[in-house]
């Protein structure tokens, strides 16, 4: 039986963050379960996050963006960890998708102009999103702060199912609660969830 292939993306620019700790726990769980695992940290990748001319001009992809695309194509399950900043993902993470989620890689619009082809079908995804506010309060005050990633990026390209896990109130969270979250994420890594 073929091992499941897991690609983990740390979407927090700081590799010394709680998001990084969570990504490491997931990675450890997946590796200990015998799954194949690859990981990239957005803060360590070298690329211009600005799509300067939109899609009017082809902007050559840097080696780290090509590696990102290869990892996405390689995986069965894509896992992304990121914090909510001002009701969305960090700018560097958005820049990664602006640059690498290109036509011909993630999607294609047909010549007749109706709908689109989802080029990354057959893959599932998990999103682990943290914030300093309780997720229920974020939802009430700002609406769905994960829609941009969940629907606009992953679903649009064909990922299904997409599992969403939110952890909040980090700024005031005690060590026991952080340890509980880490153990849950380790278990999710073992199950590739």
N, C-alpha and C. Protein backbone atom coordinates (compact mmCIF):
# COMPACT_ATOMS: atom_id res chain seq x y z
N UNK A 1 0.84 -1.19 0.00
CA UNK A 1 0.00 0.00 0.00
C UNK A 1 0.88 1.25 0.00
N UNK A 2 0.52 2.21 -0.82
CA UNK A 2 1.29 3.44 -0.96
C UNK A 2 1.10 4.34 0.26
N UNK A 3 2.21 4.94 0.71
CA UNK A 3 2.12 5.89 1.83
C UNK A 3 1.48 7.18 1.36
N UNK A 4 0.69 7.79 2.24
CA UNK A 4 0.12 9.12 1.92
C UNK A 4 1.23 10.15 1.94
N UNK A 5 1.13 11.10 1.03
CA UNK A 5 2.13 12.16 0.91
C UNK A 5 1.55 13.46 1.45
N UNK A 6 2.21 14.00 2.45
CA UNK A 6 1.73 15.20 3.15
C UNK A 6 2.69 16.36 2.88
N UNK A 7 2.14 17.49 2.47
CA UNK A 7 2.94 18.71 2.30
C UNK A 7 2.46 19.73 3.32
N UNK A 8 3.36 20.17 4.18
CA UNK A 8 3.05 21.15 5.23
C UNK A 8 3.66 22.49 4.85
N UNK A 9 2.84 23.53 4.91
CA UNK A 9 3.30 24.90 4.68
C UNK A 9 3.09 25.70 5.95
N UNK A 10 4.18 26.21 6.50
CA UNK A 10 4.08 27.16 7.62
C UNK A 10 3.89 28.54 7.00
N UNK A 11 2.69 29.10 7.17
CA UNK A 11 2.35 30.39 6.58
C UNK A 11 2.65 31.58 7.46
N UNK A 12 3.22 31.35 8.64
CA UNK A 12 3.64 32.44 9.52
C UNK A 12 5.07 32.81 9.13
N UNK A 13 5.35 34.09 8.88
CA UNK A 13 6.71 34.47 8.47
C UNK A 13 7.79 34.17 9.50
N UNK A 14 7.41 34.05 10.76
CA UNK A 14 8.37 33.83 11.85
C UNK A 14 8.45 32.34 12.17
N UNK A 15 9.61 31.73 11.91
CA UNK A 15 9.79 30.30 12.18
C UNK A 15 9.88 30.02 13.68
N UNK A 16 9.92 31.06 14.50
CA UNK A 16 9.95 30.89 15.96
C UNK A 16 8.62 31.39 16.54
N UNK A 17 7.52 30.81 16.04
CA UNK A 17 6.18 31.22 16.46
C UNK A 17 5.42 29.99 16.95
N UNK A 18 4.28 30.23 17.57
CA UNK A 18 3.44 29.11 18.00
C UNK A 18 2.93 28.33 16.78
N UNK A 19 2.67 29.03 15.68
CA UNK A 19 2.28 28.34 14.45
C UNK A 19 3.36 27.37 14.01
N UNK A 20 4.61 27.76 14.13
CA UNK A 20 5.72 26.88 13.77
C UNK A 20 5.75 25.66 14.69
N UNK A 21 5.52 25.88 15.98
CA UNK A 21 5.45 24.77 16.94
C UNK A 21 4.35 23.79 16.54
N UNK A 22 3.20 24.33 16.16
CA UNK A 22 2.08 23.47 15.76
C UNK A 22 2.41 22.69 14.47
N UNK A 23 3.03 23.37 13.51
CA UNK A 23 3.41 22.69 12.27
C UNK A 23 4.40 21.56 12.56
N UNK A 24 5.31 21.80 13.49
CA UNK A 24 6.29 20.79 13.86
C UNK A 24 5.62 19.60 14.53
N UNK A 25 4.62 19.85 15.37
CA UNK A 25 3.88 18.75 16.01
C UNK A 25 3.14 17.92 14.97
N UNK A 26 2.51 18.57 14.01
CA UNK A 26 1.81 17.85 12.94
C UNK A 26 2.82 17.02 12.14
N UNK A 27 3.93 17.64 11.79
CA UNK A 27 4.97 16.96 11.02
C UNK A 27 5.50 15.74 11.77
N UNK A 28 5.73 15.89 13.06
CA UNK A 28 6.22 14.79 13.89
C UNK A 28 5.21 13.64 13.91
N UNK A 29 3.93 13.98 14.10
CA UNK A 29 2.90 12.95 14.12
C UNK A 29 2.81 12.21 12.80
N UNK A 30 2.85 12.95 11.69
CA UNK A 30 2.76 12.32 10.36
C UNK A 30 3.97 11.43 10.09
N UNK A 31 5.16 11.91 10.44
CA UNK A 31 6.38 11.13 10.22
C UNK A 31 6.37 9.86 11.07
N UNK A 32 5.94 9.98 12.33
CA UNK A 32 5.90 8.81 13.21
C UNK A 32 4.84 7.80 12.77
N UNK A 33 3.84 8.26 12.03
CA UNK A 33 2.82 7.34 11.49
C UNK A 33 3.28 6.70 10.18
N UNK A 34 4.48 7.04 9.73
CA UNK A 34 5.03 6.44 8.53
C UNK A 34 4.61 7.11 7.24
N UNK A 35 4.07 8.31 7.32
CA UNK A 35 3.66 9.05 6.13
C UNK A 35 4.86 9.77 5.52
N UNK A 36 4.82 10.01 4.22
CA UNK A 36 5.86 10.81 3.58
C UNK A 36 5.53 12.28 3.81
N UNK A 37 6.51 13.05 4.25
CA UNK A 37 6.25 14.44 4.62
C UNK A 37 7.28 15.37 3.99
N UNK A 38 6.78 16.47 3.44
CA UNK A 38 7.62 17.58 3.00
C UNK A 38 7.10 18.84 3.68
N UNK A 39 8.00 19.80 3.88
CA UNK A 39 7.59 21.05 4.55
C UNK A 39 8.35 22.23 3.97
N UNK A 40 7.65 23.36 3.87
CA UNK A 40 8.26 24.63 3.54
C UNK A 40 7.75 25.67 4.52
N UNK A 41 8.63 26.61 4.87
CA UNK A 41 8.28 27.73 5.75
C UNK A 41 8.30 29.00 4.91
N UNK A 42 7.18 29.69 4.82
CA UNK A 42 7.08 30.85 3.95
C UNK A 42 8.12 31.91 4.29
N UNK A 43 8.46 32.06 5.57
CA UNK A 43 9.43 33.07 5.98
C UNK A 43 10.85 32.76 5.55
N UNK A 44 11.12 31.53 5.15
CA UNK A 44 12.47 31.14 4.71
C UNK A 44 12.56 31.07 3.19
N UNK A 45 11.44 31.24 2.51
CA UNK A 45 11.44 31.19 1.05
C UNK A 45 11.87 32.53 0.48
N UNK A 46 12.61 32.49 -0.62
CA UNK A 46 13.10 33.70 -1.28
C UNK A 46 12.29 33.92 -2.56
N UNK A 47 11.44 34.94 -2.55
CA UNK A 47 10.63 35.27 -3.73
C UNK A 47 10.05 36.67 -3.56
N UNK A 48 9.72 37.28 -4.67
CA UNK A 48 9.04 38.57 -4.68
C UNK A 48 7.55 38.28 -4.50
N UNK A 49 6.93 38.74 -3.41
CA UNK A 49 5.51 38.42 -3.17
C UNK A 49 4.53 39.26 -3.99
N UNK A 50 5.03 40.19 -4.78
CA UNK A 50 4.15 41.10 -5.52
C UNK A 50 3.98 40.63 -6.95
N UNK A 51 2.75 40.48 -7.37
CA UNK A 51 2.42 40.16 -8.75
C UNK A 51 2.30 41.51 -9.48
N UNK A 52 3.41 42.00 -9.98
CA UNK A 52 3.53 43.38 -10.44
C UNK A 52 2.59 43.76 -11.58
N UNK A 53 2.35 42.88 -12.54
CA UNK A 53 1.51 43.21 -13.70
C UNK A 53 0.27 42.33 -13.78
N UNK A 54 -0.13 41.76 -12.63
CA UNK A 54 -1.24 40.82 -12.68
C UNK A 54 -0.85 39.65 -13.56
N UNK A 55 -1.77 39.20 -14.40
CA UNK A 55 -1.46 38.09 -15.30
C UNK A 55 -1.27 38.56 -16.74
N UNK A 56 -1.08 39.89 -16.92
CA UNK A 56 -0.83 40.42 -18.26
C UNK A 56 0.56 40.02 -18.75
N UNK A 57 1.50 39.92 -17.82
CA UNK A 57 2.89 39.58 -18.15
C UNK A 57 3.27 38.37 -17.30
N UNK A 58 3.91 37.40 -17.91
CA UNK A 58 4.37 36.23 -17.16
C UNK A 58 5.57 36.65 -16.32
N UNK A 59 5.42 36.49 -15.01
CA UNK A 59 6.50 36.84 -14.07
C UNK A 59 7.19 35.53 -13.70
N UNK A 60 8.44 35.41 -14.08
CA UNK A 60 9.17 34.16 -13.87
C UNK A 60 9.18 33.78 -12.40
N UNK A 61 8.92 32.50 -12.13
CA UNK A 61 8.88 32.01 -10.75
C UNK A 61 10.29 31.73 -10.24
N UNK A 62 10.55 32.17 -9.01
CA UNK A 62 11.81 31.89 -8.36
C UNK A 62 11.88 30.41 -7.98
N UNK A 63 13.09 29.86 -7.73
CA UNK A 63 13.23 28.44 -7.38
C UNK A 63 12.36 27.99 -6.21
N UNK A 64 12.20 28.82 -5.17
CA UNK A 64 11.37 28.42 -4.02
C UNK A 64 9.89 28.32 -4.41
N UNK A 65 9.44 29.14 -5.35
CA UNK A 65 8.05 29.04 -5.81
C UNK A 65 7.86 27.80 -6.68
N UNK A 66 8.86 27.47 -7.49
CA UNK A 66 8.79 26.24 -8.29
C UNK A 66 8.78 25.02 -7.37
N UNK A 67 9.58 25.06 -6.30
CA UNK A 67 9.58 23.96 -5.32
C UNK A 67 8.23 23.85 -4.63
N UNK A 68 7.63 24.99 -4.31
CA UNK A 68 6.29 25.00 -3.71
C UNK A 68 5.29 24.33 -4.65
N UNK A 69 5.29 24.72 -5.91
CA UNK A 69 4.37 24.11 -6.87
C UNK A 69 4.61 22.61 -6.98
N UNK A 70 5.86 22.20 -7.01
CA UNK A 70 6.18 20.77 -7.09
C UNK A 70 5.66 20.04 -5.86
N UNK A 71 5.82 20.62 -4.67
CA UNK A 71 5.33 20.00 -3.44
C UNK A 71 3.81 19.86 -3.44
N UNK A 72 3.12 20.86 -3.95
CA UNK A 72 1.65 20.80 -4.03
C UNK A 72 1.23 19.70 -5.00
N UNK A 73 1.88 19.62 -6.16
CA UNK A 73 1.55 18.57 -7.13
C UNK A 73 1.87 17.18 -6.57
N UNK A 74 2.94 17.08 -5.80
CA UNK A 74 3.40 15.80 -5.24
C UNK A 74 2.45 15.25 -4.17
N UNK A 75 1.83 16.13 -3.39
CA UNK A 75 1.11 15.69 -2.18
C UNK A 75 -0.28 15.12 -2.47
N UNK A 76 -0.72 14.31 -1.49
CA UNK A 76 -2.12 13.87 -1.44
C UNK A 76 -2.92 14.80 -0.54
N UNK A 77 -2.22 15.33 0.49
CA UNK A 77 -2.87 16.15 1.51
C UNK A 77 -1.99 17.37 1.79
N UNK A 78 -2.58 18.55 1.64
CA UNK A 78 -1.88 19.82 1.83
C UNK A 78 -2.33 20.41 3.16
N UNK A 79 -1.36 20.80 3.99
CA UNK A 79 -1.65 21.32 5.33
C UNK A 79 -1.01 22.70 5.45
N UNK A 80 -1.80 23.69 5.85
CA UNK A 80 -1.26 25.04 6.00
C UNK A 80 -1.58 25.56 7.40
N UNK A 81 -0.58 26.15 8.02
CA UNK A 81 -0.70 26.78 9.33
C UNK A 81 -0.46 28.27 9.15
N UNK A 82 -1.37 29.10 9.69
CA UNK A 82 -1.14 30.55 9.62
C UNK A 82 -1.97 31.28 10.67
N UNK A 83 -1.51 32.49 11.05
CA UNK A 83 -2.28 33.31 11.99
C UNK A 83 -3.25 34.22 11.25
N UNK A 84 -4.30 34.63 11.95
CA UNK A 84 -5.21 35.64 11.41
C UNK A 84 -4.67 37.01 11.82
N UNK A 85 -4.34 37.82 10.84
CA UNK A 85 -3.89 39.19 11.07
C UNK A 85 -4.85 40.12 10.33
N UNK A 86 -5.48 41.01 11.05
CA UNK A 86 -6.45 41.93 10.46
C UNK A 86 -7.45 41.19 9.57
N UNK A 87 -8.00 40.12 10.11
CA UNK A 87 -9.07 39.33 9.49
C UNK A 87 -8.65 38.59 8.22
N UNK A 88 -7.37 38.34 8.04
CA UNK A 88 -6.93 37.56 6.88
C UNK A 88 -5.57 36.94 7.17
N UNK A 89 -5.01 36.31 6.18
CA UNK A 89 -3.70 35.68 6.32
C UNK A 89 -2.59 36.74 6.25
N UNK A 90 -1.38 36.42 6.71
CA UNK A 90 -0.26 37.36 6.56
C UNK A 90 0.01 37.69 5.10
N UNK A 91 0.48 38.91 4.84
CA UNK A 91 0.70 39.38 3.48
C UNK A 91 1.68 38.50 2.71
N UNK A 92 2.73 38.01 3.36
CA UNK A 92 3.71 37.17 2.67
C UNK A 92 3.08 35.87 2.19
N UNK A 93 2.18 35.30 2.99
CA UNK A 93 1.48 34.09 2.60
C UNK A 93 0.56 34.37 1.41
N UNK A 94 -0.16 35.48 1.45
CA UNK A 94 -1.01 35.85 0.31
C UNK A 94 -0.17 36.07 -0.93
N UNK A 95 1.01 36.70 -0.76
CA UNK A 95 1.92 36.91 -1.89
C UNK A 95 2.40 35.60 -2.49
N UNK A 96 2.62 34.60 -1.65
CA UNK A 96 3.01 33.28 -2.15
C UNK A 96 1.93 32.73 -3.09
N UNK A 97 0.68 32.81 -2.66
CA UNK A 97 -0.40 32.30 -3.51
C UNK A 97 -0.63 33.19 -4.73
N UNK A 98 -0.49 34.51 -4.57
CA UNK A 98 -0.61 35.40 -5.73
C UNK A 98 0.38 35.01 -6.81
N UNK A 99 1.58 34.67 -6.40
CA UNK A 99 2.65 34.36 -7.37
C UNK A 99 2.60 32.93 -7.89
N UNK A 100 2.35 31.95 -7.00
CA UNK A 100 2.50 30.54 -7.38
C UNK A 100 1.21 29.87 -7.82
N UNK A 101 0.06 30.41 -7.45
CA UNK A 101 -1.24 29.78 -7.78
C UNK A 101 -1.65 30.25 -9.17
N UNK A 102 -0.89 29.88 -10.16
CA UNK A 102 -1.00 30.46 -11.48
C UNK A 102 -1.95 29.69 -12.40
N UNK A 103 -2.44 30.37 -13.45
CA UNK A 103 -3.21 29.66 -14.48
C UNK A 103 -2.30 28.60 -15.12
N UNK A 104 -2.85 27.42 -15.32
CA UNK A 104 -2.06 26.33 -15.86
C UNK A 104 -1.47 25.45 -14.78
N UNK A 105 -1.38 25.97 -13.56
CA UNK A 105 -0.91 25.17 -12.43
C UNK A 105 -2.09 24.80 -11.53
N UNK A 106 -2.82 25.80 -11.04
CA UNK A 106 -3.92 25.56 -10.10
C UNK A 106 -5.29 25.52 -10.78
N UNK A 107 -5.42 26.20 -11.89
CA UNK A 107 -6.72 26.29 -12.58
C UNK A 107 -6.49 26.67 -14.03
N UNK A 108 -7.54 26.55 -14.82
CA UNK A 108 -7.49 26.99 -16.21
C UNK A 108 -8.89 27.44 -16.61
N UNK A 109 -8.95 28.60 -17.25
CA UNK A 109 -10.22 29.06 -17.79
C UNK A 109 -10.33 28.56 -19.24
N UNK A 110 -11.42 27.88 -19.58
CA UNK A 110 -11.57 27.38 -20.95
C UNK A 110 -11.79 28.52 -21.94
N UNK A 111 -11.54 28.23 -23.20
CA UNK A 111 -11.66 29.25 -24.24
C UNK A 111 -13.09 29.76 -24.42
N UNK A 112 -14.08 28.91 -24.12
CA UNK A 112 -15.47 29.35 -24.30
C UNK A 112 -15.92 30.32 -23.22
N UNK A 113 -15.14 30.48 -22.16
CA UNK A 113 -15.41 31.50 -21.16
C UNK A 113 -16.36 31.13 -20.04
N UNK A 114 -16.79 29.87 -19.95
CA UNK A 114 -17.73 29.48 -18.90
C UNK A 114 -17.03 28.58 -17.88
N UNK A 115 -17.08 28.96 -16.62
CA UNK A 115 -16.50 28.14 -15.56
C UNK A 115 -14.98 28.10 -15.61
N UNK A 116 -14.41 27.08 -15.00
CA UNK A 116 -12.97 26.91 -14.98
C UNK A 116 -12.65 25.45 -14.67
N UNK A 117 -11.44 25.05 -14.98
CA UNK A 117 -10.96 23.71 -14.69
C UNK A 117 -10.12 23.77 -13.42
N UNK A 118 -10.44 22.91 -12.48
CA UNK A 118 -9.69 22.83 -11.22
C UNK A 118 -8.58 21.81 -11.41
N UNK A 119 -7.37 22.27 -11.50
CA UNK A 119 -6.25 21.42 -11.89
C UNK A 119 -5.62 20.66 -10.73
N UNK A 120 -6.03 20.92 -9.50
CA UNK A 120 -5.43 20.24 -8.35
C UNK A 120 -6.43 19.30 -7.67
N UNK A 121 -7.40 18.81 -8.42
CA UNK A 121 -8.38 17.85 -7.88
C UNK A 121 -7.66 16.59 -7.41
N UNK A 122 -8.33 15.87 -6.51
CA UNK A 122 -7.78 14.63 -6.01
C UNK A 122 -6.93 14.79 -4.76
N UNK A 123 -6.87 16.01 -4.26
CA UNK A 123 -6.10 16.30 -3.05
C UNK A 123 -7.03 16.85 -1.98
N UNK A 124 -6.72 16.55 -0.75
CA UNK A 124 -7.45 17.13 0.38
C UNK A 124 -6.56 18.17 1.05
N UNK A 125 -7.15 18.92 1.97
CA UNK A 125 -6.38 19.97 2.66
C UNK A 125 -6.88 20.14 4.08
N UNK A 126 -5.98 20.61 4.93
CA UNK A 126 -6.33 21.03 6.29
C UNK A 126 -5.74 22.41 6.53
N UNK A 127 -6.53 23.25 7.17
CA UNK A 127 -6.10 24.60 7.54
C UNK A 127 -6.12 24.71 9.05
N UNK A 128 -5.01 25.16 9.62
CA UNK A 128 -4.92 25.42 11.05
C UNK A 128 -4.68 26.91 11.21
N UNK A 129 -5.67 27.59 11.74
CA UNK A 129 -5.66 29.05 11.79
C UNK A 129 -5.72 29.51 13.24
N UNK A 130 -4.78 30.36 13.62
CA UNK A 130 -4.72 30.86 14.99
C UNK A 130 -5.04 32.35 15.03
N UNK A 131 -5.42 32.81 16.23
CA UNK A 131 -5.66 34.24 16.43
C UNK A 131 -5.56 34.57 17.90
N UNK A 132 -5.45 35.85 18.18
CA UNK A 132 -5.44 36.31 19.58
C UNK A 132 -6.85 36.54 20.10
N UNK A 133 -7.83 36.32 19.25
CA UNK A 133 -9.24 36.46 19.62
C UNK A 133 -9.91 35.10 19.53
N UNK A 134 -10.92 34.88 20.33
CA UNK A 134 -11.66 33.62 20.25
C UNK A 134 -12.30 33.51 18.86
N UNK A 135 -12.23 32.34 18.23
CA UNK A 135 -12.79 32.19 16.88
C UNK A 135 -14.26 32.58 16.76
N UNK A 136 -15.05 32.30 17.77
CA UNK A 136 -16.48 32.65 17.70
C UNK A 136 -16.66 34.17 17.67
N UNK A 137 -15.84 34.90 18.41
CA UNK A 137 -15.92 36.38 18.39
C UNK A 137 -15.49 36.91 17.03
N UNK A 138 -14.40 36.35 16.48
CA UNK A 138 -13.97 36.76 15.13
C UNK A 138 -15.10 36.57 14.12
N UNK A 139 -15.78 35.44 14.21
CA UNK A 139 -16.85 35.13 13.26
C UNK A 139 -18.00 36.13 13.40
N UNK A 140 -18.38 36.43 14.64
CA UNK A 140 -19.49 37.36 14.88
C UNK A 140 -19.15 38.77 14.40
N UNK A 141 -17.95 39.23 14.72
CA UNK A 141 -17.58 40.61 14.42
C UNK A 141 -17.16 40.80 12.96
N UNK A 142 -16.37 39.86 12.41
CA UNK A 142 -15.77 40.06 11.09
C UNK A 142 -16.27 39.09 10.01
N UNK A 143 -17.09 38.12 10.38
CA UNK A 143 -17.53 37.13 9.39
C UNK A 143 -16.49 36.02 9.24
N UNK A 144 -16.54 35.34 8.12
CA UNK A 144 -15.62 34.22 7.88
C UNK A 144 -14.27 34.75 7.42
N UNK A 145 -13.30 34.76 8.32
CA UNK A 145 -11.97 35.28 8.00
C UNK A 145 -11.10 34.25 7.29
N UNK A 146 -11.63 33.05 7.03
CA UNK A 146 -10.86 32.00 6.36
C UNK A 146 -11.33 31.75 4.93
N UNK A 147 -12.35 32.45 4.50
CA UNK A 147 -12.94 32.21 3.18
C UNK A 147 -11.94 32.41 2.04
N UNK A 148 -11.07 33.40 2.18
CA UNK A 148 -10.09 33.69 1.15
C UNK A 148 -9.22 32.47 0.86
N UNK A 149 -8.75 31.80 1.92
CA UNK A 149 -7.91 30.61 1.74
C UNK A 149 -8.77 29.38 1.39
N UNK A 150 -9.81 29.17 2.17
CA UNK A 150 -10.60 27.93 2.04
C UNK A 150 -11.30 27.84 0.69
N UNK A 151 -12.02 28.89 0.32
CA UNK A 151 -12.81 28.86 -0.92
C UNK A 151 -12.04 29.47 -2.10
N UNK A 152 -11.50 30.67 -1.88
CA UNK A 152 -10.89 31.41 -2.98
C UNK A 152 -9.60 30.82 -3.51
N UNK A 153 -8.90 30.04 -2.69
CA UNK A 153 -7.63 29.46 -3.12
C UNK A 153 -7.74 27.94 -3.23
N UNK A 154 -8.04 27.25 -2.13
CA UNK A 154 -8.01 25.78 -2.13
C UNK A 154 -9.18 25.17 -2.91
N UNK A 155 -10.41 25.54 -2.55
CA UNK A 155 -11.58 24.98 -3.24
C UNK A 155 -11.56 25.33 -4.72
N UNK A 156 -11.18 26.57 -5.04
CA UNK A 156 -11.13 27.04 -6.42
C UNK A 156 -10.24 26.15 -7.28
N UNK A 157 -9.15 25.61 -6.68
CA UNK A 157 -8.20 24.78 -7.41
C UNK A 157 -8.58 23.30 -7.39
N UNK A 158 -9.61 22.92 -6.60
CA UNK A 158 -10.09 21.55 -6.63
C UNK A 158 -9.87 20.74 -5.36
N UNK A 159 -9.30 21.33 -4.32
CA UNK A 159 -9.09 20.58 -3.08
C UNK A 159 -10.42 20.22 -2.43
N UNK A 160 -10.53 18.96 -2.00
CA UNK A 160 -11.73 18.51 -1.30
C UNK A 160 -11.45 17.14 -0.67
N UNK A 161 -11.85 16.95 0.58
CA UNK A 161 -12.42 17.94 1.49
C UNK A 161 -11.34 18.89 2.02
N UNK A 162 -11.81 20.00 2.55
CA UNK A 162 -10.95 20.98 3.20
C UNK A 162 -11.39 21.07 4.65
N UNK A 163 -10.52 20.65 5.55
CA UNK A 163 -10.84 20.70 6.99
C UNK A 163 -10.27 21.98 7.58
N UNK A 164 -11.05 22.62 8.43
CA UNK A 164 -10.66 23.88 9.05
C UNK A 164 -10.63 23.72 10.56
N UNK A 165 -9.51 24.10 11.16
CA UNK A 165 -9.35 24.06 12.62
C UNK A 165 -8.89 25.45 13.06
N UNK A 166 -9.64 26.04 13.97
CA UNK A 166 -9.31 27.38 14.47
C UNK A 166 -8.98 27.31 15.95
N UNK A 167 -7.92 28.02 16.32
CA UNK A 167 -7.50 28.09 17.72
C UNK A 167 -7.29 29.55 18.08
N UNK A 168 -7.98 29.99 19.13
CA UNK A 168 -7.91 31.40 19.45
C UNK A 168 -7.66 31.72 20.89
N UNK A 169 -7.57 33.02 21.08
CA UNK A 169 -7.28 33.63 22.37
C UNK A 169 -5.86 33.29 22.81
N UNK A 170 -4.96 33.18 21.82
CA UNK A 170 -3.59 32.76 22.10
C UNK A 170 -2.84 33.70 23.04
N UNK A 171 -3.09 34.98 22.90
CA UNK A 171 -2.36 35.96 23.71
C UNK A 171 -2.54 35.71 25.21
N UNK A 172 -3.71 35.21 25.59
CA UNK A 172 -4.01 35.00 27.00
C UNK A 172 -4.16 33.52 27.35
N UNK A 173 -3.62 32.66 26.50
CA UNK A 173 -3.78 31.23 26.71
C UNK A 173 -2.65 30.70 27.60
N UNK A 174 -3.02 29.89 28.58
CA UNK A 174 -2.04 29.31 29.49
C UNK A 174 -1.27 28.18 28.84
N UNK A 175 -0.16 27.78 29.48
CA UNK A 175 0.71 26.73 28.95
C UNK A 175 -0.04 25.40 28.82
N UNK A 176 -0.92 25.10 29.80
CA UNK A 176 -1.66 23.83 29.74
C UNK A 176 -2.53 23.76 28.50
N UNK A 177 -3.15 24.89 28.11
CA UNK A 177 -4.02 24.93 26.92
C UNK A 177 -3.18 24.80 25.65
N UNK A 178 -2.03 25.45 25.61
CA UNK A 178 -1.14 25.33 24.45
C UNK A 178 -0.67 23.89 24.30
N UNK A 179 -0.35 23.25 25.41
CA UNK A 179 0.08 21.84 25.37
C UNK A 179 -1.05 20.95 24.86
N UNK A 180 -2.28 21.24 25.28
CA UNK A 180 -3.44 20.48 24.82
C UNK A 180 -3.61 20.61 23.30
N UNK A 181 -3.46 21.84 22.79
CA UNK A 181 -3.58 22.08 21.35
C UNK A 181 -2.46 21.34 20.61
N UNK A 182 -1.24 21.41 21.13
CA UNK A 182 -0.13 20.72 20.48
C UNK A 182 -0.39 19.21 20.41
N UNK A 183 -0.93 18.62 21.47
CA UNK A 183 -1.17 17.18 21.46
C UNK A 183 -2.28 16.82 20.47
N UNK A 184 -3.30 17.67 20.36
CA UNK A 184 -4.37 17.42 19.37
C UNK A 184 -3.83 17.49 17.95
N UNK A 185 -2.96 18.45 17.69
CA UNK A 185 -2.42 18.60 16.34
C UNK A 185 -1.46 17.46 16.01
N UNK A 186 -0.70 17.01 16.98
CA UNK A 186 0.15 15.84 16.79
C UNK A 186 -0.71 14.64 16.35
N UNK A 187 -1.84 14.44 17.03
CA UNK A 187 -2.73 13.32 16.69
C UNK A 187 -3.32 13.49 15.29
N UNK A 188 -3.65 14.73 14.90
CA UNK A 188 -4.17 14.98 13.56
C UNK A 188 -3.10 14.65 12.52
N UNK A 189 -1.85 14.96 12.83
CA UNK A 189 -0.74 14.61 11.93
C UNK A 189 -0.62 13.10 11.75
N UNK A 190 -0.79 12.35 12.81
CA UNK A 190 -0.70 10.89 12.72
C UNK A 190 -1.79 10.33 11.80
N UNK A 191 -2.94 11.01 11.76
CA UNK A 191 -4.07 10.55 10.94
C UNK A 191 -4.16 11.28 9.60
N UNK A 192 -3.22 12.23 9.36
CA UNK A 192 -3.26 13.06 8.15
C UNK A 192 -4.61 13.74 8.00
N UNK A 193 -5.07 14.39 9.07
CA UNK A 193 -6.37 15.08 9.08
C UNK A 193 -6.16 16.57 9.10
